[in-house]
Amino acid sequence: MEAVVDHLEHRLLNSIEQMDFCPLGLATGRTMEPLYAALVARLSAWPGDRLQLLRQRWLSFNLDEYVGLPPEHPRSFCSFMGRHLARPLGLDPSQLLLPDGASEDPAGAAARYAAAVSAAGGIGMQILGLGSNGHVGFNEPPCVSDVRCRVVTLSATTRKQNAPAFEGSPNLVPLEAITLGLYEILAANEIHLIVTGASKSGILRKTLDRDGDPNVPASWLLRHPRLWLWVDDAALGEEGT
């Protein structure tokens, strides 16, 4: 995790010094918790003037949000980002944008979110985790590379994976979400795929063995010219296959 934090800190520092801060693409989930904790610790140690400049220029778009959960719901991704990034860094919540999962018109909310990403010039640096079935964001298999921001139905595999945040019950995980599509993800200037833990070793190998396989959505990332893959020892091992 230290290596990816080193890189992200360096990129953020360069972007504010060169006045070319591009929107960040952010993710949630257990993989991101230690990443954000380490990044917050690193950025909080910056000199006050530099940290203030980062706060002024920060703009990020999250990949997804559950449909039906208001922003203040403790299991919403909006709440997750507030706990793990916005409040610890002293960022205004309005600088961390997410889809409006509480909208009475989720499809319209997805269209508005896609328009906001486009109006901001797209994603500069996109951070991703890897789902146990190969999904990125909530782009579930099968998934083609040109699919755009939309409302999706979550698979049983994904709801089981996310159950720990919902008292361990997949039945409590929302059935739908709004997610950026692979189109928006692949349009980012650079992509950072972070894979940790022995349970991800099997799907990591499957991802690397495929090239643009709709049944492994993450495999489309291999076609991006600036893909960074950050993998810990456990994910490289044999356990969990």
C-alpha atoms as a PDB file:
ATOM      1  CA  MET A   1       0.000   0.000   0.000  1.00  0.00           C
ATOM      2  CA  GLU A   2       2.912   2.346   0.689  1.00  0.00           C
ATOM      3  CA  ALA A   3       4.025   2.277  -2.951  1.00  0.00           C
ATOM      4  CA  VAL A   4       0.652   3.332  -4.310  1.00  0.00           C
ATOM      5  CA  VAL A   5       0.338   6.059  -1.668  1.00  0.00           C
ATOM      6  CA  ASP A   6       3.798   7.340  -2.660  1.00  0.00           C
ATOM      7  CA  HIS A   7       2.691   7.533  -6.271  1.00  0.00           C
ATOM      8  CA  LEU A   8      -0.666   9.170  -5.561  1.00  0.00           C
ATOM      9  CA  GLU A   9       0.915  11.753  -3.276  1.00  0.00           C
ATOM     10  CA  HIS A  10       3.504  12.575  -5.937  1.00  0.00           C
ATOM     11  CA  ARG A  11       0.827  12.948  -8.617  1.00  0.00           C
ATOM     12  CA  LEU A  12      -1.332  15.171  -6.403  1.00  0.00           C
ATOM     13  CA  LEU A  13       1.636  17.346  -5.494  1.00  0.00           C
ATOM     14  CA  ASN A  14       2.628  17.792  -9.124  1.00  0.00           C
ATOM     15  CA  SER A  15      -0.921  18.599 -10.155  1.00  0.00           C
ATOM     16  CA  ILE A  16      -1.393  21.432  -7.664  1.00  0.00           C
ATOM     17  CA  GLU A  17       2.076  22.875  -8.245  1.00  0.00           C
ATOM     18  CA  GLN A  18       1.599  22.872 -12.010  1.00  0.00           C
ATOM     19  CA  MET A  19      -1.966  24.220 -11.760  1.00  0.00           C
ATOM     20  CA  ASP A  20      -3.380  21.308 -13.755  1.00  0.00           C
ATOM     21  CA  PHE A  21      -5.507  19.506 -11.164  1.00  0.00           C
ATOM     22  CA  CYS A  22      -7.824  17.086 -12.953  1.00  0.00           C
ATOM     23  CA  PRO A  23     -10.815  15.448 -11.267  1.00  0.00           C
ATOM     24  CA  LEU A  24     -10.052  12.266  -9.378  1.00  0.00           C
ATOM     25  CA  GLY A  25     -12.067   9.105  -9.839  1.00  0.00           C
ATOM     26  CA  LEU A  26     -12.572   7.388  -6.494  1.00  0.00           C
ATOM     27  CA  ALA A  27     -13.858   4.061  -5.248  1.00  0.00           C
ATOM     28  CA  THR A  28     -15.151   2.640  -1.983  1.00  0.00           C
ATOM     29  CA  GLY A  29     -14.939  -0.714  -0.237  1.00  0.00           C
ATOM     30  CA  ARG A  30     -12.622  -2.579   2.074  1.00  0.00           C
ATOM     31  CA  THR A  31      -9.642  -2.272  -0.299  1.00  0.00           C
ATOM     32  CA  MET A  32      -9.934   1.507  -0.164  1.00  0.00           C
ATOM     33  CA  GLU A  33     -10.119   1.904   3.618  1.00  0.00           C
ATOM     34  CA  PRO A  34      -6.380   1.391   4.328  1.00  0.00           C
ATOM     35  CA  LEU A  35      -5.490   3.333   1.169  1.00  0.00           C
ATOM     36  CA  TYR A  36      -7.471   6.389   2.239  1.00  0.00           C
ATOM     37  CA  ALA A  37      -6.182   6.152   5.813  1.00  0.00           C
ATOM     38  CA  ALA A  38      -2.579   6.145   4.588  1.00  0.00           C
ATOM     39  CA  LEU A  39      -3.237   8.888   2.043  1.00  0.00           C
ATOM     40  CA  VAL A  40      -4.921  11.107   4.643  1.00  0.00           C
ATOM     41  CA  ALA A  41      -1.960  10.646   7.002  1.00  0.00           C
ATOM     42  CA  ARG A  42       0.467  11.562   4.236  1.00  0.00           C
ATOM     43  CA  LEU A  43      -1.442  14.594   2.949  1.00  0.00           C
ATOM     44  CA  SER A  44      -2.203  15.890   6.439  1.00  0.00           C
ATOM     45  CA  ALA A  45       1.554  16.159   7.011  1.00  0.00           C
ATOM     46  CA  TRP A  46       1.936  18.624   4.134  1.00  0.00           C
ATOM     47  CA  PRO A  47       2.784  22.251   4.980  1.00  0.00           C
ATOM     48  CA  GLY A  48      -0.346  24.255   5.703  1.00  0.00           C
ATOM     49  CA  ASP A  49      -0.236  26.370   2.553  1.00  0.00           C
ATOM     50  CA  ARG A  50       0.165  23.342   0.312  1.00  0.00           C
ATOM     51  CA  LEU A  51      -2.635  21.443   2.042  1.00  0.00           C
ATOM     52  CA  GLN A  52      -4.898  24.464   1.749  1.00  0.00           C
ATOM     53  CA  LEU A  53      -4.188  24.640  -1.982  1.00  0.00           C
ATOM     54  CA  LEU A  54      -5.145  20.983  -2.322  1.00  0.00           C
ATOM     55  CA  ARG A  55      -8.379  21.645  -0.443  1.00  0.00           C
ATOM     56  CA  GLN A  56      -9.214  24.539  -2.736  1.00  0.00           C
ATOM     57  CA  ARG A  57      -8.657  22.577  -5.929  1.00  0.00           C
ATOM     58  CA  TRP A  58     -10.001  19.172  -4.951  1.00  0.00           C
ATOM     59  CA  LEU A  59     -12.715  17.692  -7.146  1.00  0.00           C
ATOM     60  CA  SER A  60     -13.539  14.002  -7.274  1.00  0.00           C
ATOM     61  CA  PHE A  61     -16.192  11.754  -8.761  1.00  0.00           C
ATOM     62  CA  ASN A  62     -17.029   8.458  -7.133  1.00  0.00           C
ATOM     63  CA  LEU A  63     -17.732   5.439  -9.264  1.00  0.00           C
ATOM     64  CA  ASP A  64     -21.104   4.539  -7.862  1.00  0.00           C
ATOM     65  CA  GLU A  65     -23.833   4.792  -5.266  1.00  0.00           C
ATOM     66  CA  TYR A  66     -26.621   2.508  -4.103  1.00  0.00           C
ATOM     67  CA  VAL A  67     -30.130   3.287  -5.326  1.00  0.00           C
ATOM     68  CA  GLY A  68     -32.522   3.984  -2.473  1.00  0.00           C
ATOM     69  CA  LEU A  69     -30.017   5.128   0.146  1.00  0.00           C
ATOM     70  CA  PRO A  70     -29.991   8.836   1.063  1.00  0.00           C
ATOM     71  CA  PRO A  71     -26.567  10.472   1.390  1.00  0.00           C
ATOM     72  CA  GLU A  72     -26.762  10.482   5.192  1.00  0.00           C
ATOM     73  CA  HIS A  73     -27.443   6.731   5.403  1.00  0.00           C
ATOM     74  CA  PRO A  74     -24.472   5.167   7.228  1.00  0.00           C
ATOM     75  CA  ARG A  75     -24.053   2.524   4.506  1.00  0.00           C
ATOM     76  CA  SER A  76     -24.211   4.914   1.578  1.00  0.00           C
ATOM     77  CA  PHE A  77     -21.000   5.526  -0.310  1.00  0.00           C
ATOM     78  CA  CYS A  78     -21.486   9.228   0.365  1.00  0.00           C
ATOM     79  CA  SER A  79     -21.201   8.499   4.097  1.00  0.00           C
ATOM     80  CA  PHE A  80     -18.179   6.270   3.436  1.00  0.00           C
ATOM     81  CA  MET A  81     -16.364   9.081   1.639  1.00  0.00           C
ATOM     82  CA  GLY A  82     -17.225  11.543   4.376  1.00  0.00           C
ATOM     83  CA  ARG A  83     -15.820   9.265   7.063  1.00  0.00           C
ATOM     84  CA  HIS A  84     -12.684   8.178   5.245  1.00  0.00           C
ATOM     85  CA  LEU A  85     -11.674  11.214   3.188  1.00  0.00           C
ATOM     86  CA  ALA A  86     -13.728  14.419   3.333  1.00  0.00           C
ATOM     87  CA  ARG A  87     -13.799  15.038   7.074  1.00  0.00           C
ATOM     88  CA  PRO A  88     -10.254  13.781   7.812  1.00  0.00           C
ATOM     89  CA  LEU A  89      -8.820  16.033   5.075  1.00  0.00           C
ATOM     90  CA  GLY A  90     -11.060  18.998   5.799  1.00  0.00           C
ATOM     91  CA  LEU A  91     -12.683  18.916   2.359  1.00  0.00           C
ATOM     92  CA  ASP A  92     -16.065  20.428   1.609  1.00  0.00           C
ATOM     93  CA  PRO A  93     -18.521  17.577   0.884  1.00  0.00           C
ATOM     94  CA  SER A  94     -19.524  19.377  -2.314  1.00  0.00           C
ATOM     95  CA  GLN A  95     -16.049  18.648  -3.686  1.00  0.00           C
ATOM     96  CA  LEU A  96     -16.625  14.879  -3.529  1.00  0.00           C
ATOM     97  CA  LEU A  97     -19.372  14.112  -6.021  1.00  0.00           C
ATOM     98  CA  LEU A  98     -21.401  10.903  -6.162  1.00  0.00           C
ATOM     99  CA  PRO A  99     -24.470   9.765  -8.080  1.00  0.00           C
ATOM    100  CA  ASP A 100     -27.779  10.714  -6.465  1.00  0.00           C
ATOM    101  CA  GLY A 101     -28.938   7.314  -5.294  1.00  0.00           C
ATOM    102  CA  ALA A 102     -31.912   8.821  -3.457  1.00  0.00           C
ATOM    103  CA  SER A 103     -33.396  10.353  -6.610  1.00  0.00           C
ATOM    104  CA  GLU A 104     -36.938   9.342  -7.523  1.00  0.00           C
ATOM    105  CA  ASP A 105     -35.626   9.109 -11.097  1.00  0.00           C
ATOM    106  CA  PRO A 106     -32.432   6.995 -10.915  1.00  0.00           C
ATOM    107  CA  ALA A 107     -32.021   6.868 -14.695  1.00  0.00           C
ATOM    108  CA  GLY A 108     -32.214  10.646 -14.847  1.00  0.00           C
ATOM    109  CA  ALA A 109     -29.732  10.894 -11.973  1.00  0.00           C
ATOM    110  CA  ALA A 110     -27.327   8.662 -13.907  1.00  0.00           C
ATOM    111  CA  ALA A 111     -27.625  10.877 -16.986  1.00  0.00           C
ATOM    112  CA  ARG A 112     -26.994  14.007 -14.920  1.00  0.00           C
ATOM    113  CA  TYR A 113     -23.972  12.424 -13.269  1.00  0.00           C
ATOM    114  CA  ALA A 114     -22.466  11.447 -16.619  1.00  0.00           C
ATOM    115  CA  ALA A 115     -23.010  15.010 -17.819  1.00  0.00           C
ATOM    116  CA  ALA A 116     -21.248  16.386 -14.722  1.00  0.00           C
ATOM    117  CA  VAL A 117     -18.210  14.179 -15.335  1.00  0.00           C
ATOM    118  CA  SER A 118     -18.093  15.287 -18.958  1.00  0.00           C
ATOM    119  CA  ALA A 119     -18.491  18.973 -18.060  1.00  0.00           C
ATOM    120  CA  ALA A 120     -15.526  18.684 -15.678  1.00  0.00           C
ATOM    121  CA  GLY A 121     -13.344  17.383 -18.501  1.00  0.00           C
ATOM    122  CA  GLY A 122     -13.498  13.716 -17.526  1.00  0.00           C
ATOM    123  CA  ILE A 123     -11.476  11.830 -14.952  1.00  0.00           C
ATOM    124  CA  GLY A 124      -7.771  12.478 -14.560  1.00  0.00           C
ATOM    125  CA  MET A 125      -6.633   9.703 -12.237  1.00  0.00           C
ATOM    126  CA  GLN A 126      -9.088   6.820 -11.691  1.00  0.00           C
ATOM    127  CA  ILE A 127      -8.676   4.550  -8.660  1.00  0.00           C
ATOM    128  CA  LEU A 128     -10.343   1.142  -8.810  1.00  0.00           C
ATOM    129  CA  GLY A 129     -10.725  -2.003  -6.781  1.00  0.00           C
ATOM    130  CA  LEU A 130     -11.416  -5.425  -8.261  1.00  0.00           C
ATOM    131  CA  GLY A 131     -14.681  -7.204  -7.549  1.00  0.00           C
ATOM    132  CA  SER A 132     -14.696 -10.918  -6.807  1.00  0.00           C
ATOM    133  CA  ASN A 133     -16.506 -11.566 -10.113  1.00  0.00           C
ATOM    134  CA  GLY A 134     -14.294  -9.171 -12.071  1.00  0.00           C
ATOM    135  CA  HIS A 135     -16.530  -6.129 -11.822  1.00  0.00           C
ATOM    136  CA  VAL A 136     -15.129  -2.601 -11.634  1.00  0.00           C
ATOM    137  CA  GLY A 137     -17.445   0.004 -10.259  1.00  0.00           C
ATOM    138  CA  PHE A 138     -20.735  -1.862 -10.437  1.00  0.00           C
ATOM    139  CA  ASN A 139     -20.167  -2.963 -14.031  1.00  0.00           C
ATOM    140  CA  GLU A 140     -21.227  -6.567 -13.598  1.00  0.00           C
ATOM    141  CA  PRO A 141     -20.406  -9.344 -16.075  1.00  0.00           C
ATOM    142  CA  PRO A 142     -21.182  -9.591 -18.893  1.00  0.00           C
ATOM    143  CA  CYS A 143     -20.206  -6.034 -19.779  1.00  0.00           C
ATOM    144  CA  VAL A 144     -18.939  -4.402 -22.965  1.00  0.00           C
ATOM    145  CA  SER A 145     -16.396  -1.594 -23.000  1.00  0.00           C
ATOM    146  CA  ASP A 146     -18.603   1.204 -24.329  1.00  0.00           C
ATOM    147  CA  VAL A 147     -21.377   0.977 -21.740  1.00  0.00           C
ATOM    148  CA  ARG A 148     -22.017   4.323 -20.032  1.00  0.00           C
ATOM    149  CA  CYS A 149     -23.215   5.604 -16.673  1.00  0.00           C
ATOM    150  CA  ARG A 150     -26.504   3.918 -15.836  1.00  0.00           C
ATOM    151  CA  VAL A 151     -28.661   2.102 -13.301  1.00  0.00           C
ATOM    152  CA  VAL A 152     -27.629  -1.527 -12.782  1.00  0.00           C
ATOM    153  CA  THR A 153     -29.012  -4.531 -10.939  1.00  0.00           C
ATOM    154  CA  LEU A 154     -26.451  -5.957  -8.539  1.00  0.00           C
ATOM    155  CA  SER A 155     -25.568  -9.623  -8.884  1.00  0.00           C
ATOM    156  CA  ALA A 156     -25.918 -12.103  -6.044  1.00  0.00           C
ATOM    157  CA  THR A 157     -22.112 -12.366  -5.985  1.00  0.00           C
ATOM    158  CA  THR A 158     -21.694  -8.632  -5.486  1.00  0.00           C
ATOM    159  CA  ARG A 159     -24.406  -8.417  -2.836  1.00  0.00           C
ATOM    160  CA  LYS A 160     -22.712 -11.247  -0.939  1.00  0.00           C
ATOM    161  CA  GLN A 161     -19.347  -9.489  -1.248  1.00  0.00           C
ATOM    162  CA  ASN A 162     -20.825  -6.256   0.137  1.00  0.00           C
ATOM    163  CA  ALA A 163     -22.893  -7.919   2.868  1.00  0.00           C
ATOM    164  CA  PRO A 164     -20.380  -7.230   5.694  1.00  0.00           C
ATOM    165  CA  ALA A 165     -21.364  -3.559   5.520  1.00  0.00           C
ATOM    166  CA  PHE A 166     -25.018  -4.551   5.963  1.00  0.00           C
ATOM    167  CA  GLU A 167     -24.918  -6.634   9.140  1.00  0.00           C
ATOM    168  CA  GLY A 168     -23.572  -9.559   7.128  1.00  0.00           C
ATOM    169  CA  SER A 169     -26.841 -10.050   5.241  1.00  0.00           C
ATOM    170  CA  PRO A 170     -26.895  -9.971   1.420  1.00  0.00           C
ATOM    171  CA  ASN A 171     -30.650  -9.410   1.650  1.00  0.00           C
ATOM    172  CA  LEU A 172     -30.035  -5.988   3.186  1.00  0.00           C
ATOM    173  CA  VAL A 173     -27.782  -4.866   0.334  1.00  0.00           C
ATOM    174  CA  PRO A 174     -29.728  -2.677  -2.129  1.00  0.00           C
ATOM    175  CA  LEU A 175     -30.779  -4.383  -5.342  1.00  0.00           C
ATOM    176  CA  GLU A 176     -29.671  -1.558  -7.632  1.00  0.00           C
ATOM    177  CA  ALA A 177     -26.976   1.075  -7.968  1.00  0.00           C
ATOM    178  CA  ILE A 178     -25.928   3.899 -10.258  1.00  0.00           C
ATOM    179  CA  THR A 179     -22.460   3.351 -11.679  1.00  0.00           C
ATOM    180  CA  LEU A 180     -20.101   5.022 -14.087  1.00  0.00           C
ATOM    181  CA  GLY A 181     -19.715   2.769 -17.101  1.00  0.00           C
ATOM    182  CA  LEU A 182     -16.573   1.338 -18.601  1.00  0.00           C
ATOM    183  CA  TYR A 183     -16.816   4.100 -21.193  1.00  0.00           C
ATOM    184  CA  GLU A 184     -16.217   6.803 -18.560  1.00  0.00           C
ATOM    185  CA  ILE A 185     -13.643   4.700 -16.699  1.00  0.00           C
ATOM    186  CA  LEU A 186     -11.586   3.933 -19.802  1.00  0.00           C
ATOM    187  CA  ALA A 187     -11.687   7.614 -20.794  1.00  0.00           C
ATOM    188  CA  ALA A 188      -9.628   8.520 -17.689  1.00  0.00           C
ATOM    189  CA  ASN A 189      -6.105   9.801 -18.271  1.00  0.00           C
ATOM    190  CA  GLU A 190      -4.692   7.036 -16.101  1.00  0.00           C
ATOM    191  CA  ILE A 191      -6.134   4.098 -14.174  1.00  0.00           C
ATOM    192  CA  HIS A 192      -4.890   2.571 -10.930  1.00  0.00           C
ATOM    193  CA  LEU A 193      -6.259  -0.909 -10.186  1.00  0.00           C
ATOM    194  CA  ILE A 194      -5.574  -1.940  -6.592  1.00  0.00           C
ATOM    195  CA  VAL A 195      -5.894  -5.620  -5.696  1.00  0.00           C
ATOM    196  CA  THR A 196      -5.276  -6.904  -2.179  1.00  0.00           C
ATOM    197  CA  GLY A 197      -5.888 -10.110  -0.284  1.00  0.00           C
ATOM    198  CA  ALA A 198      -5.676 -13.809  -1.056  1.00  0.00           C
ATOM    199  CA  SER A 199      -9.378 -13.967  -1.906  1.00  0.00           C
ATOM    200  CA  LYS A 200      -8.693 -11.876  -5.028  1.00  0.00           C
ATOM    201  CA  SER A 201      -5.860 -14.023  -6.412  1.00  0.00           C
ATOM    202  CA  GLY A 202      -8.129 -16.135  -8.604  1.00  0.00           C
ATOM    203  CA  ILE A 203     -10.017 -13.281 -10.231  1.00  0.00           C
ATOM    204  CA  LEU A 204      -6.761 -11.341 -10.624  1.00  0.00           C
ATOM    205  CA  ARG A 205      -5.242 -14.176 -12.646  1.00  0.00           C
ATOM    206  CA  LYS A 206      -8.411 -14.519 -14.681  1.00  0.00           C
ATOM    207  CA  THR A 207      -8.352 -10.782 -15.402  1.00  0.00           C
ATOM    208  CA  LEU A 208      -4.742 -10.886 -16.563  1.00  0.00           C
ATOM    209  CA  ASP A 209      -5.389 -13.968 -18.696  1.00  0.00           C
ATOM    210  CA  ARG A 210      -8.179 -12.281 -20.656  1.00  0.00           C
ATOM    211  CA  ASP A 211      -8.145  -9.318 -23.005  1.00  0.00           C
ATOM    212  CA  GLY A 212     -11.408  -7.496 -23.339  1.00  0.00           C
ATOM    213  CA  ASP A 213     -13.595 -10.358 -22.134  1.00  0.00           C
ATOM    214  CA  PRO A 214     -17.160  -9.192 -21.333  1.00  0.00           C
ATOM    215  CA  ASN A 215     -17.364 -11.942 -18.720  1.00  0.00           C
ATOM    216  CA  VAL A 216     -14.458 -10.339 -16.828  1.00  0.00           C
ATOM    217  CA  PRO A 217     -15.169  -6.595 -17.028  1.00  0.00           C
ATOM    218  CA  ALA A 218     -11.832  -5.661 -15.433  1.00  0.00           C
ATOM    219  CA  SER A 219     -10.017  -7.254 -18.376  1.00  0.00           C
ATOM    220  CA  TRP A 220     -11.017  -4.266 -20.529  1.00  0.00           C
ATOM    221  CA  LEU A 221      -8.646  -2.189 -18.412  1.00  0.00           C
ATOM    222  CA  LEU A 222      -5.689  -4.027 -19.954  1.00  0.00           C
ATOM    223  CA  ARG A 223      -6.284  -2.057 -23.147  1.00  0.00           C
ATOM    224  CA  HIS A 224      -5.758   1.279 -21.413  1.00  0.00           C
ATOM    225  CA  PRO A 225      -2.369   2.833 -22.316  1.00  0.00           C
ATOM    226  CA  ARG A 226      -1.781   4.116 -18.767  1.00  0.00           C
ATOM    227  CA  LEU A 227      -2.918   1.310 -16.493  1.00  0.00           C
ATOM    228  CA  TRP A 228      -1.125   0.890 -13.166  1.00  0.00           C
ATOM    229  CA  LEU A 229      -1.647  -2.403 -11.353  1.00  0.00           C
ATOM    230  CA  TRP A 230      -0.922  -2.427  -7.620  1.00  0.00           C
ATOM    231  CA  VAL A 231      -1.008  -5.910  -6.081  1.00  0.00           C
ATOM    232  CA  ASP A 232       0.007  -7.150  -2.644  1.00  0.00           C
ATOM    233  CA  ASP A 233       1.745 -10.456  -1.939  1.00  0.00           C
ATOM    234  CA  ALA A 234      -1.451 -12.168  -0.815  1.00  0.00           C
ATOM    235  CA  ALA A 235      -3.252 -11.407  -4.077  1.00  0.00           C
ATOM    236  CA  LEU A 236      -0.278 -12.799  -5.986  1.00  0.00           C
ATOM    237  CA  GLY A 237      -0.376 -16.075  -4.036  1.00  0.00           C
ATOM    238  CA  GLU A 238      -2.256 -19.293  -4.518  1.00  0.00           C
ATOM    239  CA  GLU A 239      -4.651 -19.057  -1.574  1.00  0.00           C
ATOM    240  CA  GLY A 240      -8.251 -18.246  -2.286  1.00  0.00           C
ATOM    241  CA  THR A 241      -8.384 -19.643  -5.832  1.00  0.00           C
END
